[in-house]
Structure formats: C-alpha cells, structure tokens
PDB file of N, CA and C in Angstrom:
ATOM      1  N   MET A   1      -0.667 170.294  40.974  1.00  0.00           N
ATOM      2  CA  MET A   1      -1.297 171.119  41.972  1.00  0.00           C
ATOM      3  C   MET A   1      -1.966 172.342  41.347  1.00  0.00           C
ATOM      4  N   THR A   2      -1.277 172.966  40.406  1.00  0.00           N
ATOM      5  CA  THR A   2      -1.823 174.155  39.764  1.00  0.00           C
ATOM      6  C   THR A   2      -3.051 173.824  38.939  1.00  0.00           C
ATOM      7  N   LEU A   3      -3.003 172.724  38.236  1.00  0.00           N
ATOM      8  CA  LEU A   3      -4.147 172.314  37.417  1.00  0.00           C
ATOM      9  C   LEU A   3      -5.353 171.988  38.291  1.00  0.00           C
ATOM     10  N   ALA A   4      -5.122 171.339  39.405  1.00  0.00           N
ATOM     11  CA  ALA A   4      -6.225 171.032  40.319  1.00  0.00           C
ATOM     12  C   ALA A   4      -6.826 172.307  40.903  1.00  0.00           C
ATOM     13  N   THR A   5      -5.982 173.269  41.263  1.00  0.00           N
ATOM     14  CA  THR A   5      -6.464 174.547  41.780  1.00  0.00           C
ATOM     15  C   THR A   5      -7.276 175.282  40.730  1.00  0.00           C
ATOM     16  N   LEU A   6      -6.797 175.272  39.500  1.00  0.00           N
ATOM     17  CA  LEU A   6      -7.500 175.931  38.401  1.00  0.00           C
ATOM     18  C   LEU A   6      -8.866 175.293  38.176  1.00  0.00           C
ATOM     19  N   PHE A   7      -8.913 173.982  38.133  1.00  0.00           N
ATOM     20  CA  PHE A   7     -10.170 173.280  37.869  1.00  0.00           C
ATOM     21  C   PHE A   7     -11.167 173.459  39.014  1.00  0.00           C
ATOM     22  N   ILE A   8     -10.712 173.298  40.236  1.00  0.00           N
ATOM     23  CA  ILE A   8     -11.609 173.404  41.386  1.00  0.00           C
ATOM     24  C   ILE A   8     -12.160 174.817  41.526  1.00  0.00           C
ATOM     25  N   SER A   9     -11.296 175.817  41.372  1.00  0.00           N
ATOM     26  CA  SER A   9     -11.782 177.193  41.496  1.00  0.00           C
ATOM     27  C   SER A   9     -12.742 177.547  40.367  1.00  0.00           C
ATOM     28  N   MET A  10     -12.520 177.035  39.159  1.00  0.00           N
ATOM     29  CA  MET A  10     -13.429 177.314  38.053  1.00  0.00           C
ATOM     30  C   MET A  10     -14.792 176.663  38.295  1.00  0.00           C
ATOM     31  N   VAL A  11     -14.805 175.433  38.778  1.00  0.00           N
ATOM     32  CA  VAL A  11     -16.069 174.756  39.063  1.00  0.00           C
ATOM     33  C   VAL A  11     -16.831 175.486  40.167  1.00  0.00           C
ATOM     34  N   VAL A  12     -16.130 175.926  41.202  1.00  0.00           N
ATOM     35  CA  VAL A  12     -16.783 176.652  42.294  1.00  0.00           C
ATOM     36  C   VAL A  12     -17.382 177.961  41.779  1.00  0.00           C
ATOM     37  N   LEU A  13     -16.653 178.668  40.940  1.00  0.00           N
ATOM     38  CA  LEU A  13     -17.164 179.928  40.406  1.00  0.00           C
ATOM     39  C   LEU A  13     -18.347 179.704  39.474  1.00  0.00           C
ATOM     40  N   PHE A  14     -18.344 178.622  38.702  1.00  0.00           N
ATOM     41  CA  PHE A  14     -19.485 178.295  37.850  1.00  0.00           C
ATOM     42  C   PHE A  14     -20.714 177.972  38.696  1.00  0.00           C
ATOM     43  N   VAL A  15     -20.512 177.237  39.788  1.00  0.00           N
ATOM     44  CA  VAL A  15     -21.630 176.880  40.667  1.00  0.00           C
ATOM     45  C   VAL A  15     -22.215 178.132  41.328  1.00  0.00           C
ATOM     46  N   LEU A  16     -21.371 179.098  41.630  1.00  0.00           N
ATOM     47  CA  LEU A  16     -21.840 180.340  42.224  1.00  0.00           C
ATOM     48  C   LEU A  16     -22.586 181.223  41.222  1.00  0.00           C
ATOM     49  N   GLY A  17     -22.535 180.875  39.952  1.00  0.00           N
ATOM     50  CA  GLY A  17     -23.278 181.612  38.939  1.00  0.00           C
ATOM     51  C   GLY A  17     -22.535 182.785  38.333  1.00  0.00           C
ATOM     52  N   ILE A  18     -21.240 182.823  38.468  1.00  0.00           N
ATOM     53  CA  ILE A  18     -20.439 183.898  37.891  1.00  0.00           C
ATOM     54  C   ILE A  18     -20.312 183.650  36.385  1.00  0.00           C
ATOM     55  N   PRO A  19     -20.443 184.695  35.556  1.00  0.00           N
ATOM     56  CA  PRO A  19     -20.322 184.512  34.102  1.00  0.00           C
ATOM     57  C   PRO A  19     -18.987 183.890  33.698  1.00  0.00           C
ATOM     58  N   ILE A  20     -18.999 183.229  32.556  1.00  0.00           N
ATOM     59  CA  ILE A  20     -17.850 182.452  32.096  1.00  0.00           C
ATOM     60  C   ILE A  20     -16.581 183.289  31.997  1.00  0.00           C
ATOM     61  N   ALA A  21     -16.674 184.477  31.422  1.00  0.00           N
ATOM     62  CA  ALA A  21     -15.483 185.316  31.224  1.00  0.00           C
ATOM     63  C   ALA A  21     -14.819 185.663  32.548  1.00  0.00           C
ATOM     64  N   PHE A  22     -15.611 186.028  33.534  1.00  0.00           N
ATOM     65  CA  PHE A  22     -15.052 186.396  34.828  1.00  0.00           C
ATOM     66  C   PHE A  22     -14.579 185.175  35.595  1.00  0.00           C
ATOM     67  N   ALA A  23     -15.254 184.047  35.445  1.00  0.00           N
ATOM     68  CA  ALA A  23     -14.836 182.817  36.127  1.00  0.00           C
ATOM     69  C   ALA A  23     -13.497 182.328  35.592  1.00  0.00           C
ATOM     70  N   ILE A  24     -13.305 182.426  34.286  1.00  0.00           N
ATOM     71  CA  ILE A  24     -12.020 182.020  33.696  1.00  0.00           C
ATOM     72  C   ILE A  24     -10.905 182.925  34.202  1.00  0.00           C
ATOM     73  N   GLY A  25     -11.157 184.229  34.211  1.00  0.00           N
ATOM     74  CA  GLY A  25     -10.136 185.173  34.667  1.00  0.00           C
ATOM     75  C   GLY A  25      -9.798 185.014  36.129  1.00  0.00           C
ATOM     76  N   MET A  26     -10.810 184.896  36.961  1.00  0.00           N
ATOM     77  CA  MET A  26     -10.560 184.775  38.397  1.00  0.00           C
ATOM     78  C   MET A  26      -9.922 183.443  38.753  1.00  0.00           C
ATOM     79  N   SER A  27     -10.333 182.363  38.094  1.00  0.00           N
ATOM     80  CA  SER A  27      -9.737 181.067  38.416  1.00  0.00           C
ATOM     81  C   SER A  27      -8.279 180.996  37.964  1.00  0.00           C
ATOM     82  N   SER A  28      -7.962 181.599  36.832  1.00  0.00           N
ATOM     83  CA  SER A  28      -6.561 181.602  36.414  1.00  0.00           C
ATOM     84  C   SER A  28      -5.727 182.500  37.315  1.00  0.00           C
ATOM     85  N   LEU A  29      -6.288 183.606  37.782  1.00  0.00           N
ATOM     86  CA  LEU A  29      -5.565 184.461  38.724  1.00  0.00           C
ATOM     87  C   LEU A  29      -5.326 183.726  40.047  1.00  0.00           C
ATOM     88  N   ILE A  30      -6.307 182.998  40.519  1.00  0.00           N
ATOM     89  CA  ILE A  30      -6.156 182.216  41.752  1.00  0.00           C
ATOM     90  C   ILE A  30      -5.073 181.157  41.578  1.00  0.00           C
ATOM     91  N   ALA A  31      -5.083 180.468  40.434  1.00  0.00           N
ATOM     92  CA  ALA A  31      -4.085 179.420  40.205  1.00  0.00           C
ATOM     93  C   ALA A  31      -2.674 180.001  40.115  1.00  0.00           C
ATOM     94  N   ILE A  32      -2.536 181.161  39.494  1.00  0.00           N
ATOM     95  CA  ILE A  32      -1.212 181.786  39.391  1.00  0.00           C
ATOM     96  C   ILE A  32      -0.728 182.250  40.755  1.00  0.00           C
ATOM     97  N   LEU A  33      -1.620 182.813  41.554  1.00  0.00           N
ATOM     98  CA  LEU A  33      -1.215 183.264  42.884  1.00  0.00           C
ATOM     99  C   LEU A  33      -0.855 182.097  43.798  1.00  0.00           C
ATOM    100  N   VAL A  34      -1.569 180.974  43.670  1.00  0.00           N
ATOM    101  CA  VAL A  34      -1.261 179.806  44.497  1.00  0.00           C
ATOM    102  C   VAL A  34       0.069 179.189  44.065  1.00  0.00           C
ATOM    103  N   ASP A  35       0.321 179.147  42.761  1.00  0.00           N
ATOM    104  CA  ASP A  35       1.566 178.558  42.259  1.00  0.00           C
ATOM    105  C   ASP A  35       2.760 179.416  42.656  1.00  0.00           C
ATOM    106  N   GLY A  36       2.684 180.733  42.450  1.00  0.00           N
ATOM    107  CA  GLY A  36       3.711 181.646  42.908  1.00  0.00           C
ATOM    108  C   GLY A  36       4.971 181.730  42.078  1.00  0.00           C
ATOM    109  N   ASP A  37       5.030 181.112  40.893  1.00  0.00           N
ATOM    110  CA  ASP A  37       6.242 181.163  40.081  1.00  0.00           C
ATOM    111  C   ASP A  37       6.339 182.416  39.212  1.00  0.00           C
ATOM    112  N   ILE A  38       5.223 183.021  38.892  1.00  0.00           N
ATOM    113  CA  ILE A  38       5.202 184.172  37.984  1.00  0.00           C
ATOM    114  C   ILE A  38       5.114 185.453  38.808  1.00  0.00           C
ATOM    115  N   PRO A  39       6.005 186.426  38.555  1.00  0.00           N
ATOM    116  CA  PRO A  39       5.912 187.698  39.285  1.00  0.00           C
ATOM    117  C   PRO A  39       4.644 188.459  38.896  1.00  0.00           C
ATOM    118  N   LEU A  40       4.061 189.171  39.831  1.00  0.00           N
ATOM    119  CA  LEU A  40       2.812 189.875  39.582  1.00  0.00           C
ATOM    120  C   LEU A  40       2.969 190.994  38.558  1.00  0.00           C
ATOM    121  N   THR A  41       4.161 191.584  38.441  1.00  0.00           N
ATOM    122  CA  THR A  41       4.352 192.627  37.427  1.00  0.00           C
ATOM    123  C   THR A  41       4.246 192.047  36.026  1.00  0.00           C
ATOM    124  N   LEU A  42       4.772 190.858  35.820  1.00  0.00           N
ATOM    125  CA  LEU A  42       4.649 190.200  34.523  1.00  0.00           C
ATOM    126  C   LEU A  42       3.202 189.824  34.236  1.00  0.00           C
ATOM    127  N   LEU A  43       2.490 189.415  35.266  1.00  0.00           N
ATOM    128  CA  LEU A  43       1.089 189.039  35.114  1.00  0.00           C
ATOM    129  C   LEU A  43       0.249 190.232  34.665  1.00  0.00           C
ATOM    130  N   THR A  44       0.425 191.377  35.308  1.00  0.00           N
ATOM    131  CA  THR A  44      -0.360 192.553  34.927  1.00  0.00           C
ATOM    132  C   THR A  44       0.007 193.039  33.530  1.00  0.00           C
ATOM    133  N   GLN A  45       1.264 192.924  33.155  1.00  0.00           N
ATOM    134  CA  GLN A  45       1.676 193.322  31.812  1.00  0.00           C
ATOM    135  C   GLN A  45       1.039 192.425  30.757  1.00  0.00           C
ATOM    136  N   ARG A  46       1.031 191.133  30.975  1.00  0.00           N
ATOM    137  CA  ARG A  46       0.419 190.203  30.025  1.00  0.00           C
ATOM    138  C   ARG A  46      -1.092 190.411  29.932  1.00  0.00           C
ATOM    139  N   MET A  47      -1.732 190.699  31.064  1.00  0.00           N
ATOM    140  CA  MET A  47      -3.174 190.944  31.053  1.00  0.00           C
ATOM    141  C   MET A  47      -3.496 192.213  30.274  1.00  0.00           C
ATOM    142  N   PHE A  48      -2.685 193.243  30.433  1.00  0.00           N
ATOM    143  CA  PHE A  48      -2.925 194.492  29.723  1.00  0.00           C
ATOM    144  C   PHE A  48      -2.764 194.305  28.216  1.00  0.00           C
ATOM    145  N   PHE A  49      -1.724 193.593  27.785  1.00  0.00           N
ATOM    146  CA  PHE A  49      -1.523 193.374  26.356  1.00  0.00           C
ATOM    147  C   PHE A  49      -2.540 192.390  25.781  1.00  0.00           C
ATOM    148  N   GLY A  50      -3.129 191.562  26.618  1.00  0.00           N
ATOM    149  CA  GLY A  50      -4.166 190.651  26.157  1.00  0.00           C
ATOM    150  C   GLY A  50      -5.460 191.352  25.819  1.00  0.00           C
ATOM    151  N   LEU A  51      -5.648 192.570  26.331  1.00  0.00           N
ATOM    152  CA  LEU A  51      -6.849 193.330  26.023  1.00  0.00           C
ATOM    153  C   LEU A  51      -6.882 193.807  24.573  1.00  0.00           C
ATOM    154  N   ASP A  52      -5.743 193.815  23.897  1.00  0.00           N
ATOM    155  CA  ASP A  52      -5.690 194.261  22.514  1.00  0.00           C
ATOM    156  C   ASP A  52      -6.289 193.249  21.543  1.00  0.00           C
ATOM    157  N   SER A  53      -6.407 192.014  21.948  1.00  0.00           N
ATOM    158  CA  SER A  53      -6.941 190.976  21.074  1.00  0.00           C
ATOM    159  C   SER A  53      -8.464 190.933  21.198  1.00  0.00           C
ATOM    160  N   TRP A  54      -9.148 191.569  20.274  1.00  0.00           N
ATOM    161  CA  TRP A  54     -10.605 191.651  20.332  1.00  0.00           C
ATOM    162  C   TRP A  54     -11.242 190.270  20.144  1.00  0.00           C
ATOM    163  N   LEU A  55     -10.693 189.447  19.270  1.00  0.00           N
ATOM    164  CA  LEU A  55     -11.269 188.130  19.015  1.00  0.00           C
ATOM    165  C   LEU A  55     -11.195 187.245  20.252  1.00  0.00           C
ATOM    166  N   MET A  56     -10.061 187.240  20.917  1.00  0.00           N
ATOM    167  CA  MET A  56      -9.916 186.400  22.101  1.00  0.00           C
ATOM    168  C   MET A  56     -10.780 186.903  23.258  1.00  0.00           C
ATOM    169  N   MET A  57     -11.040 188.194  23.305  1.00  0.00           N
ATOM    170  CA  MET A  57     -11.860 188.746  24.372  1.00  0.00           C
ATOM    171  C   MET A  57     -13.349 188.580  24.085  1.00  0.00           C
ATOM    172  N   SER A  58     -13.726 188.569  22.819  1.00  0.00           N
ATOM    173  CA  SER A  58     -15.143 188.522  22.477  1.00  0.00           C
ATOM    174  C   SER A  58     -15.747 187.126  22.663  1.00  0.00           C
ATOM    175  N   ILE A  59     -14.957 186.093  22.604  1.00  0.00           N
ATOM    176  CA  ILE A  59     -15.495 184.736  22.728  1.00  0.00           C
ATOM    177  C   ILE A  59     -16.076 184.483  24.118  1.00  0.00           C
ATOM    178  N   PRO A  60     -15.326 184.675  25.224  1.00  0.00           N
ATOM    179  CA  PRO A  60     -15.957 184.414  26.523  1.00  0.00           C
ATOM    180  C   PRO A  60     -16.970 185.473  26.925  1.00  0.00           C
ATOM    181  N   LEU A  61     -16.803 186.703  26.450  1.00  0.00           N
ATOM    182  CA  LEU A  61     -17.736 187.755  26.831  1.00  0.00           C
ATOM    183  C   LEU A  61     -19.067 187.657  26.106  1.00  0.00           C
ATOM    184  N   SER A  62     -19.171 186.816  25.080  1.00  0.00           N
ATOM    185  CA  SER A  62     -20.437 186.683  24.372  1.00  0.00           C
ATOM    186  C   SER A  62     -21.487 186.025  25.261  1.00  0.00           C
ATOM    187  N   SER A  63     -21.069 185.263  26.263  1.00  0.00           N
ATOM    188  CA  SER A  63     -22.034 184.637  27.156  1.00  0.00           C
ATOM    189  C   SER A  63     -22.560 185.613  28.200  1.00  0.00           C
ATOM    190  N   CYS A  64     -21.909 186.759  28.398  1.00  0.00           N
ATOM    191  CA  CYS A  64     -22.347 187.743  29.386  1.00  0.00           C
ATOM    192  C   CYS A  64     -23.463 188.615  28.868  1.00  0.00           C
ATOM    193  N   ARG A  65     -23.737 188.553  27.599  1.00  0.00           N
ATOM    194  CA  ARG A  65     -24.688 189.454  26.966  1.00  0.00           C
ATOM    195  C   ARG A  65     -26.114 189.212  27.425  1.00  0.00           C
ATOM    196  N   GLY A  66     -26.477 187.994  27.701  1.00  0.00           N
ATOM    197  CA  GLY A  66     -27.830 187.659  28.136  1.00  0.00           C
ATOM    198  C   GLY A  66     -28.750 187.416  26.945  1.00  0.00           C
ATOM    199  N   ASN A  67     -30.022 187.211  27.222  1.00  0.00           N
ATOM    200  CA  ASN A  67     -30.988 186.915  26.150  1.00  0.00           C
ATOM    201  C   ASN A  67     -31.803 188.117  25.814  1.00  0.00           C
TER     202      ASN A  67
END
C-alpha cells in the first residue's frame, strides 16, 4: 500500500510539472503520512539531519536550476 501511494503521488506530481526534488520530498511525505507508522517528530528530525548531506541534496536539486 505504501509503495503504491508513493508511486502514484510521485507520478501525479510529475504530471503537474513540479520539479523532481520537490516531487520526491512531497510524495515521500504523503506516503509516510498515509502509512502512519513513523511518528512525525522522528520524521522532522531525520529531515533536518538530512540537510547536512550536500551530495545527496545536490543531485535532485540540479534539475531545478533550469537552462
């Protein structure tokens, strides 16, 4: 169920024209909220510590730069 929610929400966000970085983030947030197993405090903590990884953040954000 979670995988289907993740895939469907990502495809919908791509069709709407949302950049890849934001579509990945929003679709994973939607899937986590629908699943409901992870507490939101843990989610925000993991997201905050994920900002420290410049390499992991630069890969999806490179598509937002434009031409």
